[in-house]
Amino acid sequence: MQRLVEQPSGDGEIFQGSRSLGSAHYHLSVYQHFSRAEDESVPANVEVEGHVRPHDVNVAELHQRRSELTLRLSDGRALDFWLIDNAGRLHSTGRQLYQP
């Protein structure tokens, strides 16, 4: 099962490695996965999905790169992600939100 635990949104910056590609507005949904069985030990697993609307970079060009990108959120956290499509939909690459 999964539960929605947070929905951060705001303006951040998109990076490819250490190089800034530009700023973007983002809206994310953070889901925590858990087991239904009370006696089952399951490590914390967080999945993030959402979308970005870049202000000064073409989202279709970013999608065509097919590379992992990093979004730095306005609160200082970061998210490594893949763009799913040319509309700016994104999905985390397995790492949850973190402090860089």
PDB file of N, CA and C in Angstrom:
ATOM      1  N   MET A   1       0.839  -1.181   0.000  1.00  0.00           N
ATOM      2  CA  MET A   1       0.000   0.000   0.000  1.00  0.00           C
ATOM      3  C   MET A   1       0.881   1.241   0.000  1.00  0.00           C
ATOM      4  N   GLN A   2       0.288   2.329  -0.368  1.00  0.00           N
ATOM      5  CA  GLN A   2       1.016   3.596  -0.344  1.00  0.00           C
ATOM      6  C   GLN A   2       0.119   4.686   0.206  1.00  0.00           C
ATOM      7  N   ARG A   3       0.760   5.702   0.744  1.00  0.00           N
ATOM      8  CA  ARG A   3       0.030   6.825   1.338  1.00  0.00           C
ATOM      9  C   ARG A   3       0.698   8.122   0.879  1.00  0.00           C
ATOM     10  N   LEU A   4      -0.113   9.090   0.492  1.00  0.00           N
ATOM     11  CA  LEU A   4       0.387  10.412   0.140  1.00  0.00           C
ATOM     12  C   LEU A   4       0.812  11.104   1.426  1.00  0.00           C
ATOM     13  N   VAL A   5       2.087  11.508   1.529  1.00  0.00           N
ATOM     14  CA  VAL A   5       2.573  12.101   2.771  1.00  0.00           C
ATOM     15  C   VAL A   5       2.948  13.580   2.633  1.00  0.00           C
ATOM     16  N   GLU A   6       3.079  14.061   1.391  1.00  0.00           N
ATOM     17  CA  GLU A   6       3.497  15.450   1.219  1.00  0.00           C
ATOM     18  C   GLU A   6       3.248  15.870  -0.227  1.00  0.00           C
ATOM     19  N   GLN A   7       2.940  17.153  -0.433  1.00  0.00           N
ATOM     20  CA  GLN A   7       2.774  17.699  -1.776  1.00  0.00           C
ATOM     21  C   GLN A   7       3.490  19.053  -1.890  1.00  0.00           C
ATOM     22  N   PRO A   8       4.823  19.031  -1.963  1.00  0.00           N
ATOM     23  CA  PRO A   8       5.541  20.300  -2.090  1.00  0.00           C
ATOM     24  C   PRO A   8       5.354  20.923  -3.476  1.00  0.00           C
ATOM     25  N   SER A   9       5.294  22.242  -3.499  1.00  0.00           N
ATOM     26  CA  SER A   9       5.244  22.968  -4.771  1.00  0.00           C
ATOM     27  C   SER A   9       5.951  24.292  -4.583  1.00  0.00           C
ATOM     28  N   GLY A  10       6.399  24.855  -5.685  1.00  0.00           N
ATOM     29  CA  GLY A  10       7.103  26.131  -5.628  1.00  0.00           C
ATOM     30  C   GLY A  10       7.982  26.309  -6.844  1.00  0.00           C
ATOM     31  N   ASP A  11       8.953  27.187  -6.713  1.00  0.00           N
ATOM     32  CA  ASP A  11       9.909  27.441  -7.787  1.00  0.00           C
ATOM     33  C   ASP A  11      11.268  26.924  -7.361  1.00  0.00           C
ATOM     34  N   GLY A  12      11.903  26.188  -8.260  1.00  0.00           N
ATOM     35  CA  GLY A  12      13.211  25.608  -7.976  1.00  0.00           C
ATOM     36  C   GLY A  12      14.117  25.715  -9.185  1.00  0.00           C
ATOM     37  N   GLU A  13      15.203  24.944  -9.145  1.00  0.00           N
ATOM     38  CA  GLU A  13      16.186  24.983 -10.216  1.00  0.00           C
ATOM     39  C   GLU A  13      16.509  23.563 -10.661  1.00  0.00           C
ATOM     40  N   ILE A  14      16.604  23.376 -11.977  1.00  0.00           N
ATOM     41  CA  ILE A  14      16.909  22.067 -12.553  1.00  0.00           C
ATOM     42  C   ILE A  14      18.393  21.996 -12.879  1.00  0.00           C
ATOM     43  N   PHE A  15      19.012  20.881 -12.484  1.00  0.00           N
ATOM     44  CA  PHE A  15      20.429  20.643 -12.740  1.00  0.00           C
ATOM     45  C   PHE A  15      20.618  19.341 -13.496  1.00  0.00           C
ATOM     46  N   GLN A  16      21.663  19.306 -14.312  1.00  0.00           N
ATOM     47  CA  GLN A  16      22.158  18.063 -14.886  1.00  0.00           C
ATOM     48  C   GLN A  16      23.586  17.959 -14.375  1.00  0.00           C
ATOM     49  N   GLY A  17      23.780  17.055 -13.411  1.00  0.00           N
ATOM     50  CA  GLY A  17      25.062  17.025 -12.714  1.00  0.00           C
ATOM     51  C   GLY A  17      25.196  18.290 -11.895  1.00  0.00           C
ATOM     52  N   SER A  18      26.310  18.982 -12.055  1.00  0.00           N
ATOM     53  CA  SER A  18      26.517  20.231 -11.310  1.00  0.00           C
ATOM     54  C   SER A  18      26.142  21.464 -12.128  1.00  0.00           C
ATOM     55  N   ARG A  19      25.683  21.268 -13.358  1.00  0.00           N
ATOM     56  CA  ARG A  19      25.362  22.382 -14.250  1.00  0.00           C
ATOM     57  C   ARG A  19      23.885  22.754 -14.166  1.00  0.00           C
ATOM     58  N   SER A  20      23.613  24.019 -13.868  1.00  0.00           N
ATOM     59  CA  SER A  20      22.239  24.513 -13.814  1.00  0.00           C
ATOM     60  C   SER A  20      21.686  24.632 -15.234  1.00  0.00           C
ATOM     61  N   LEU A  21      20.472  24.107 -15.435  1.00  0.00           N
ATOM     62  CA  LEU A  21      19.823  24.199 -16.737  1.00  0.00           C
ATOM     63  C   LEU A  21      18.765  25.286 -16.769  1.00  0.00           C
ATOM     64  N   GLY A  22      18.325  25.739 -15.600  1.00  0.00           N
ATOM     65  CA  GLY A  22      17.332  26.794 -15.541  1.00  0.00           C
ATOM     66  C   GLY A  22      16.357  26.602 -14.402  1.00  0.00           C
ATOM     67  N   SER A  23      15.467  27.563 -14.259  1.00  0.00           N
ATOM     68  CA  SER A  23      14.489  27.518 -13.170  1.00  0.00           C
ATOM     69  C   SER A  23      13.173  26.911 -13.658  1.00  0.00           C
ATOM     70  N   ALA A  24      12.371  26.445 -12.696  1.00  0.00           N
ATOM     71  CA  ALA A  24      11.097  25.808 -13.043  1.00  0.00           C
ATOM     72  C   ALA A  24      10.144  25.880 -11.866  1.00  0.00           C
ATOM     73  N   HIS A  25       8.860  25.891 -12.175  1.00  0.00           N
ATOM     74  CA  HIS A  25       7.828  25.727 -11.157  1.00  0.00           C
ATOM     75  C   HIS A  25       7.574  24.231 -11.050  1.00  0.00           C
ATOM     76  N   TYR A  26       7.390  23.721  -9.849  1.00  0.00           N
ATOM     77  CA  TYR A  26       7.163  22.291  -9.655  1.00  0.00           C
ATOM     78  C   TYR A  26       5.980  22.052  -8.735  1.00  0.00           C
ATOM     79  N   HIS A  27       5.388  20.894  -8.923  1.00  0.00           N
ATOM     80  CA  HIS A  27       4.359  20.386  -8.012  1.00  0.00           C
ATOM     81  C   HIS A  27       4.610  18.890  -7.895  1.00  0.00           C
ATOM     82  N   LEU A  28       4.872  18.424  -6.688  1.00  0.00           N
ATOM     83  CA  LEU A  28       5.247  17.037  -6.454  1.00  0.00           C
ATOM     84  C   LEU A  28       4.255  16.351  -5.522  1.00  0.00           C
ATOM     85  N   SER A  29       4.154  15.045  -5.656  1.00  0.00           N
ATOM     86  CA  SER A  29       3.399  14.202  -4.732  1.00  0.00           C
ATOM     87  C   SER A  29       4.368  13.157  -4.202  1.00  0.00           C
ATOM     88  N   VAL A  30       4.491  13.095  -2.884  1.00  0.00           N
ATOM     89  CA  VAL A  30       5.421  12.169  -2.230  1.00  0.00           C
ATOM     90  C   VAL A  30       4.602  11.059  -1.585  1.00  0.00           C
ATOM     91  N   TYR A  31       4.874   9.831  -1.989  1.00  0.00           N
ATOM     92  CA  TYR A  31       4.147   8.667  -1.486  1.00  0.00           C
ATOM     93  C   TYR A  31       5.081   7.785  -0.666  1.00  0.00           C
ATOM     94  N   GLN A  32       4.584   7.314   0.461  1.00  0.00           N
ATOM     95  CA  GLN A  32       5.328   6.361   1.273  1.00  0.00           C
ATOM     96  C   GLN A  32       4.653   5.006   1.132  1.00  0.00           C
ATOM     97  N   HIS A  33       5.452   3.989   0.822  1.00  0.00           N
ATOM     98  CA  HIS A  33       4.944   2.628   0.687  1.00  0.00           C
ATOM     99  C   HIS A  33       5.104   1.913   2.021  1.00  0.00           C
ATOM    100  N   PHE A  34       4.137   1.082   2.348  1.00  0.00           N
ATOM    101  CA  PHE A  34       4.202   0.328   3.586  1.00  0.00           C
ATOM    102  C   PHE A  34       3.465  -0.990   3.413  1.00  0.00           C
ATOM    103  N   SER A  35       3.722  -1.905   4.322  1.00  0.00           N
ATOM    104  CA  SER A  35       3.112  -3.227   4.284  1.00  0.00           C
ATOM    105  C   SER A  35       1.819  -3.225   5.079  1.00  0.00           C
ATOM    106  N   ARG A  36       0.864  -4.030   4.652  1.00  0.00           N
ATOM    107  CA  ARG A  36      -0.393  -4.168   5.387  1.00  0.00           C
ATOM    108  C   ARG A  36      -0.232  -5.086   6.591  1.00  0.00           C
ATOM    109  N   ALA A  37       0.714  -5.994   6.535  1.00  0.00           N
ATOM    110  CA  ALA A  37       0.907  -6.953   7.622  1.00  0.00           C
ATOM    111  C   ALA A  37       1.620  -6.289   8.791  1.00  0.00           C
ATOM    112  N   GLU A  38       1.047  -6.386   9.972  1.00  0.00           N
ATOM    113  CA  GLU A  38       1.625  -5.736  11.155  1.00  0.00           C
ATOM    114  C   GLU A  38       2.972  -6.326  11.543  1.00  0.00           C
ATOM    115  N   ASP A  39       3.144  -7.624  11.343  1.00  0.00           N
ATOM    116  CA  ASP A  39       4.374  -8.278  11.770  1.00  0.00           C
ATOM    117  C   ASP A  39       5.439  -8.304  10.680  1.00  0.00           C
ATOM    118  N   GLU A  40       5.165  -7.693   9.540  1.00  0.00           N
ATOM    119  CA  GLU A  40       6.110  -7.695   8.427  1.00  0.00           C
ATOM    120  C   GLU A  40       6.971  -6.447   8.476  1.00  0.00           C
ATOM    121  N   SER A  41       8.271  -6.642   8.475  1.00  0.00           N
ATOM    122  CA  SER A  41       9.206  -5.523   8.496  1.00  0.00           C
ATOM    123  C   SER A  41       9.541  -5.111   7.063  1.00  0.00           C
ATOM    124  N   VAL A  42       9.183  -3.896   6.703  1.00  0.00           N
ATOM    125  CA  VAL A  42       9.445  -3.383   5.365  1.00  0.00           C
ATOM    126  C   VAL A  42      10.214  -2.077   5.498  1.00  0.00           C
ATOM    127  N   PRO A  43      11.363  -1.969   4.824  1.00  0.00           N
ATOM    128  CA  PRO A  43      12.108  -0.714   4.909  1.00  0.00           C
ATOM    129  C   PRO A  43      11.315   0.440   4.293  1.00  0.00           C
ATOM    130  N   ALA A  44      11.554   1.630   4.802  1.00  0.00           N
ATOM    131  CA  ALA A  44      10.858   2.810   4.289  1.00  0.00           C
ATOM    132  C   ALA A  44      11.168   2.978   2.805  1.00  0.00           C
ATOM    133  N   ASN A  45      10.132   3.154   2.017  1.00  0.00           N
ATOM    134  CA  ASN A  45      10.294   3.330   0.583  1.00  0.00           C
ATOM    135  C   ASN A  45       9.436   4.518   0.181  1.00  0.00           C
ATOM    136  N   VAL A  46      10.061   5.515  -0.395  1.00  0.00           N
ATOM    137  CA  VAL A  46       9.351   6.725  -0.798  1.00  0.00           C
ATOM    138  C   VAL A  46       9.461   6.878  -2.304  1.00  0.00           C
ATOM    139  N   GLU A  47       8.352   7.234  -2.933  1.00  0.00           N
ATOM    140  CA  GLU A  47       8.298   7.453  -4.365  1.00  0.00           C
ATOM    141  C   GLU A  47       7.764   8.857  -4.602  1.00  0.00           C
ATOM    142  N   VAL A  48       8.355   9.572  -5.549  1.00  0.00           N
ATOM    143  CA  VAL A  48       7.933  10.943  -5.837  1.00  0.00           C
ATOM    144  C   VAL A  48       7.558  11.041  -7.311  1.00  0.00           C
ATOM    145  N   GLU A  49       6.415  11.641  -7.559  1.00  0.00           N
ATOM    146  CA  GLU A  49       5.998  11.931  -8.929  1.00  0.00           C
ATOM    147  C   GLU A  49       5.447  13.349  -8.953  1.00  0.00           C
ATOM    148  N   GLY A  50       5.290  13.891 -10.144  1.00  0.00           N
ATOM    149  CA  GLY A  50       4.769  15.245 -10.258  1.00  0.00           C
ATOM    150  C   GLY A  50       5.066  15.834 -11.612  1.00  0.00           C
ATOM    151  N   HIS A  51       5.210  17.154 -11.647  1.00  0.00           N
ATOM    152  CA  HIS A  51       5.529  17.811 -12.900  1.00  0.00           C
ATOM    153  C   HIS A  51       6.324  19.088 -12.652  1.00  0.00           C
ATOM    154  N   VAL A  52       7.054  19.480 -13.698  1.00  0.00           N
ATOM    155  CA  VAL A  52       7.791  20.741 -13.689  1.00  0.00           C
ATOM    156  C   VAL A  52       7.368  21.551 -14.906  1.00  0.00           C
ATOM    157  N   ARG A  53       7.358  22.859 -14.714  1.00  0.00           N
ATOM    158  CA  ARG A  53       7.119  23.788 -15.817  1.00  0.00           C
ATOM    159  C   ARG A  53       8.301  24.753 -15.856  1.00  0.00           C
ATOM    160  N   PRO A  54       9.296  24.429 -16.671  1.00  0.00           N
ATOM    161  CA  PRO A  54      10.486  25.287 -16.730  1.00  0.00           C
ATOM    162  C   PRO A  54      10.150  26.691 -17.211  1.00  0.00           C
ATOM    163  N   HIS A  55      10.842  27.665 -16.613  1.00  0.00           N
ATOM    164  CA  HIS A  55      10.657  29.067 -16.999  1.00  0.00           C
ATOM    165  C   HIS A  55      11.547  29.432 -18.182  1.00  0.00           C
ATOM    166  N   ASP A  56      12.760  28.906 -18.203  1.00  0.00           N
ATOM    167  CA  ASP A  56      13.738  29.359 -19.183  1.00  0.00           C
ATOM    168  C   ASP A  56      14.486  28.219 -19.869  1.00  0.00           C
ATOM    169  N   VAL A  57      13.861  27.048 -19.934  1.00  0.00           N
ATOM    170  CA  VAL A  57      14.446  25.913 -20.639  1.00  0.00           C
ATOM    171  C   VAL A  57      13.307  25.122 -21.269  1.00  0.00           C
ATOM    172  N   ASN A  58      13.553  24.536 -22.423  1.00  0.00           N
ATOM    173  CA  ASN A  58      12.549  23.791 -23.161  1.00  0.00           C
ATOM    174  C   ASN A  58      12.415  22.388 -22.574  1.00  0.00           C
ATOM    175  N   VAL A  59      11.224  22.065 -22.057  1.00  0.00           N
ATOM    176  CA  VAL A  59      11.008  20.772 -21.405  1.00  0.00           C
ATOM    177  C   VAL A  59      11.143  19.618 -22.409  1.00  0.00           C
ATOM    178  N   ALA A  60      10.764  19.825 -23.660  1.00  0.00           N
ATOM    179  CA  ALA A  60      10.900  18.771 -24.675  1.00  0.00           C
ATOM    180  C   ALA A  60      12.381  18.436 -24.897  1.00  0.00           C
ATOM    181  N   GLU A  61      13.231  19.451 -24.910  1.00  0.00           N
ATOM    182  CA  GLU A  61      14.674  19.210 -25.053  1.00  0.00           C
ATOM    183  C   GLU A  61      15.220  18.449 -23.851  1.00  0.00           C
ATOM    184  N   LEU A  62      14.746  18.794 -22.656  1.00  0.00           N
ATOM    185  CA  LEU A  62      15.179  18.066 -21.463  1.00  0.00           C
ATOM    186  C   LEU A  62      14.755  16.605 -21.535  1.00  0.00           C
ATOM    187  N   HIS A  63      13.529  16.369 -21.978  1.00  0.00           N
ATOM    188  CA  HIS A  63      13.024  15.001 -22.094  1.00  0.00           C
ATOM    189  C   HIS A  63      13.850  14.200 -23.104  1.00  0.00           C
ATOM    190  N   GLN A  64      14.224  14.817 -24.208  1.00  0.00           N
ATOM    191  CA  GLN A  64      15.000  14.142 -25.246  1.00  0.00           C
ATOM    192  C   GLN A  64      16.387  13.742 -24.768  1.00  0.00           C
ATOM    193  N   ARG A  65      16.926  14.419 -23.776  1.00  0.00           N
ATOM    194  CA  ARG A  65      18.254  14.068 -23.249  1.00  0.00           C
ATOM    195  C   ARG A  65      18.260  12.698 -22.593  1.00  0.00           C
ATOM    196  N   ARG A  66      17.101  12.282 -22.087  1.00  0.00           N
ATOM    197  CA  ARG A  66      16.958  10.974 -21.430  1.00  0.00           C
ATOM    198  C   ARG A  66      18.035  10.746 -20.376  1.00  0.00           C
ATOM    199  N   SER A  67      18.287  11.770 -19.597  1.00  0.00           N
ATOM    200  CA  SER A  67      19.279  11.640 -18.534  1.00  0.00           C
ATOM    201  C   SER A  67      18.665  12.016 -17.193  1.00  0.00           C
ATOM    202  N   GLU A  68      19.300  11.553 -16.136  1.00  0.00           N
ATOM    203  CA  GLU A  68      18.833  11.881 -14.799  1.00  0.00           C
ATOM    204  C   GLU A  68      19.088  13.356 -14.533  1.00  0.00           C
ATOM    205  N   LEU A  69      18.089  14.013 -13.994  1.00  0.00           N
ATOM    206  CA  LEU A  69      18.181  15.430 -13.658  1.00  0.00           C
ATOM    207  C   LEU A  69      17.958  15.579 -12.165  1.00  0.00           C
ATOM    208  N   THR A  70      18.304  16.737 -11.641  1.00  0.00           N
ATOM    209  CA  THR A  70      18.079  17.033 -10.227  1.00  0.00           C
ATOM    210  C   THR A  70      17.297  18.330 -10.122  1.00  0.00           C
ATOM    211  N   LEU A  71      16.267  18.306  -9.295  1.00  0.00           N
ATOM    212  CA  LEU A  71      15.486  19.497  -9.006  1.00  0.00           C
ATOM    213  C   LEU A  71      15.833  19.953  -7.607  1.00  0.00           C
ATOM    214  N   ARG A  72      16.296  21.186  -7.476  1.00  0.00           N
ATOM    215  CA  ARG A  72      16.535  21.775  -6.160  1.00  0.00           C
ATOM    216  C   ARG A  72      15.299  22.574  -5.785  1.00  0.00           C
ATOM    217  N   LEU A  73      14.648  22.140  -4.720  1.00  0.00           N
ATOM    218  CA  LEU A  73      13.406  22.761  -4.277  1.00  0.00           C
ATOM    219  C   LEU A  73      13.682  24.065  -3.536  1.00  0.00           C
ATOM    220  N   SER A  74      12.655  24.877  -3.395  1.00  0.00           N
ATOM    221  CA  SER A  74      12.796  26.170  -2.723  1.00  0.00           C
ATOM    222  C   SER A  74      13.138  26.018  -1.239  1.00  0.00           C
ATOM    223  N   ASP A  75      12.836  24.850  -0.636  1.00  0.00           N
ATOM    224  CA  ASP A  75      13.155  24.647   0.782  1.00  0.00           C
ATOM    225  C   ASP A  75      14.555  24.075   1.007  1.00  0.00           C
ATOM    226  N   GLY A  76      15.341  23.937  -0.073  1.00  0.00           N
ATOM    227  CA  GLY A  76      16.725  23.472   0.054  1.00  0.00           C
ATOM    228  C   GLY A  76      16.917  21.995  -0.222  1.00  0.00           C
ATOM    229  N   ARG A  77      15.826  21.221  -0.265  1.00  0.00           N
ATOM    230  CA  ARG A  77      15.959  19.801  -0.575  1.00  0.00           C
ATOM    231  C   ARG A  77      16.155  19.600  -2.075  1.00  0.00           C
ATOM    232  N   ALA A  78      16.525  18.382  -2.441  1.00  0.00           N
ATOM    233  CA  ALA A  78      16.744  18.058  -3.848  1.00  0.00           C
ATOM    234  C   ALA A  78      16.052  16.741  -4.180  1.00  0.00           C
ATOM    235  N   LEU A  79      15.762  16.555  -5.464  1.00  0.00           N
ATOM    236  CA  LEU A  79      15.142  15.335  -5.960  1.00  0.00           C
ATOM    237  C   LEU A  79      15.800  14.956  -7.275  1.00  0.00           C
ATOM    238  N   ASP A  80      16.289  13.721  -7.365  1.00  0.00           N
ATOM    239  CA  ASP A  80      16.804  13.187  -8.619  1.00  0.00           C
ATOM    240  C   ASP A  80      15.624  12.561  -9.350  1.00  0.00           C
ATOM    241  N   PHE A  81      15.479  12.865 -10.659  1.00  0.00           N
ATOM    242  CA  PHE A  81      14.290  12.432 -11.387  1.00  0.00           C
ATOM    243  C   PHE A  81      14.571  12.213 -12.866  1.00  0.00           C
ATOM    244  N   TRP A  82      13.604  11.547 -13.504  1.00  0.00           N
ATOM    245  CA  TRP A  82      13.546  11.393 -14.960  1.00  0.00           C
ATOM    246  C   TRP A  82      12.305  12.125 -15.435  1.00  0.00           C
ATOM    247  N   LEU A  83      12.389  12.757 -16.582  1.00  0.00           N
ATOM    248  CA  LEU A  83      11.192  13.296 -17.211  1.00  0.00           C
ATOM    249  C   LEU A  83      10.513  12.167 -17.967  1.00  0.00           C
ATOM    250  N   ILE A  84       9.232  11.982 -17.734  1.00  0.00           N
ATOM    251  CA  ILE A  84       8.466  10.908 -18.352  1.00  0.00           C
ATOM    252  C   ILE A  84       7.997  11.295 -19.750  1.00  0.00           C
ATOM    253  N   ASP A  85       7.707  12.574 -19.956  1.00  0.00           N
ATOM    254  CA  ASP A  85       7.184  13.012 -21.246  1.00  0.00           C
ATOM    255  C   ASP A  85       7.527  14.473 -21.507  1.00  0.00           C
ATOM    256  N   ASN A  86       7.107  14.952 -22.680  1.00  0.00           N
ATOM    257  CA  ASN A  86       7.373  16.345 -23.077  1.00  0.00           C
ATOM    258  C   ASN A  86       6.504  17.359 -22.345  1.00  0.00           C
ATOM    259  N   ALA A  87       5.538  16.880 -21.567  1.00  0.00           N
ATOM    260  CA  ALA A  87       4.658  17.777 -20.816  1.00  0.00           C
ATOM    261  C   ALA A  87       5.250  18.146 -19.458  1.00  0.00           C
ATOM    262  N   GLY A  88       6.392  17.556 -19.108  1.00  0.00           N
ATOM    263  CA  GLY A  88       7.046  17.885 -17.847  1.00  0.00           C
ATOM    264  C   GLY A  88       6.721  16.958 -16.698  1.00  0.00           C
ATOM    265  N   ARG A  89       6.012  15.844 -16.965  1.00  0.00           N
ATOM    266  CA  ARG A  89       5.746  14.884 -15.889  1.00  0.00           C
ATOM    267  C   ARG A  89       7.055  14.217 -15.494  1.00  0.00           C
ATOM    268  N   LEU A  90       7.223  14.018 -14.187  1.00  0.00           N
ATOM    269  CA  LEU A  90       8.471  13.445 -13.691  1.00  0.00           C
ATOM    270  C   LEU A  90       8.210  12.320 -12.710  1.00  0.00           C
ATOM    271  N   HIS A  91       9.254  11.517 -12.510  1.00  0.00           N
ATOM    272  CA  HIS A  91       9.223  10.422 -11.537  1.00  0.00           C
ATOM    273  C   HIS A  91      10.602  10.321 -10.910  1.00  0.00           C
ATOM    274  N   SER A  92      10.628  10.131  -9.613  1.00  0.00           N
ATOM    275  CA  SER A  92      11.913  10.014  -8.911  1.00  0.00           C
ATOM    276  C   SER A  92      12.675   8.803  -9.418  1.00  0.00           C
ATOM    277  N   THR A  93      13.991   8.869  -9.307  1.00  0.00           N
ATOM    278  CA  THR A  93      14.843   7.785  -9.797  1.00  0.00           C
ATOM    279  C   THR A  93      15.183   6.785  -8.710  1.00  0.00           C
ATOM    280  N   GLY A  94      14.416   6.762  -7.649  1.00  0.00           N
ATOM    281  CA  GLY A  94      14.630   5.784  -6.599  1.00  0.00           C
ATOM    282  C   GLY A  94      15.088   6.384  -5.281  1.00  0.00           C
ATOM    283  N   ARG A  95      15.612   7.580  -5.346  1.00  0.00           N
ATOM    284  CA  ARG A  95      16.032   8.269  -4.148  1.00  0.00           C
ATOM    285  C   ARG A  95      14.920   9.210  -3.714  1.00  0.00           C
ATOM    286  N   GLN A  96      14.724   9.339  -2.441  1.00  0.00           N
ATOM    287  CA  GLN A  96      13.702  10.270  -1.978  1.00  0.00           C
ATOM    288  C   GLN A  96      14.249  11.693  -1.932  1.00  0.00           C
ATOM    289  N   LEU A  97      13.457  12.633  -1.498  1.00  0.00           N
ATOM    290  CA  LEU A  97      13.924  14.007  -1.311  1.00  0.00           C
ATOM    291  C   LEU A  97      15.065  13.995  -0.298  1.00  0.00           C
ATOM    292  N   TYR A  98      16.102  14.758  -0.576  1.00  0.00           N
ATOM    293  CA  TYR A  98      17.282  14.753   0.297  1.00  0.00           C
ATOM    294  C   TYR A  98      17.902  16.135   0.380  1.00  0.00           C
ATOM    295  N   GLN A  99      18.755  16.311   1.378  1.00  0.00           N
ATOM    296  CA  GLN A  99      19.519  17.553   1.525  1.00  0.00           C
ATOM    297  C   GLN A  99      20.845  17.392   0.779  1.00  0.00           C
ATOM    298  N   PRO A 100      21.118  18.233  -0.205  1.00  0.00           N
ATOM    299  CA  PRO A 100      22.389  18.112  -0.957  1.00  0.00           C
ATOM    300  C   PRO A 100      23.589  18.516  -0.122  1.00  0.00           C
TER     301      PRO A 100
END
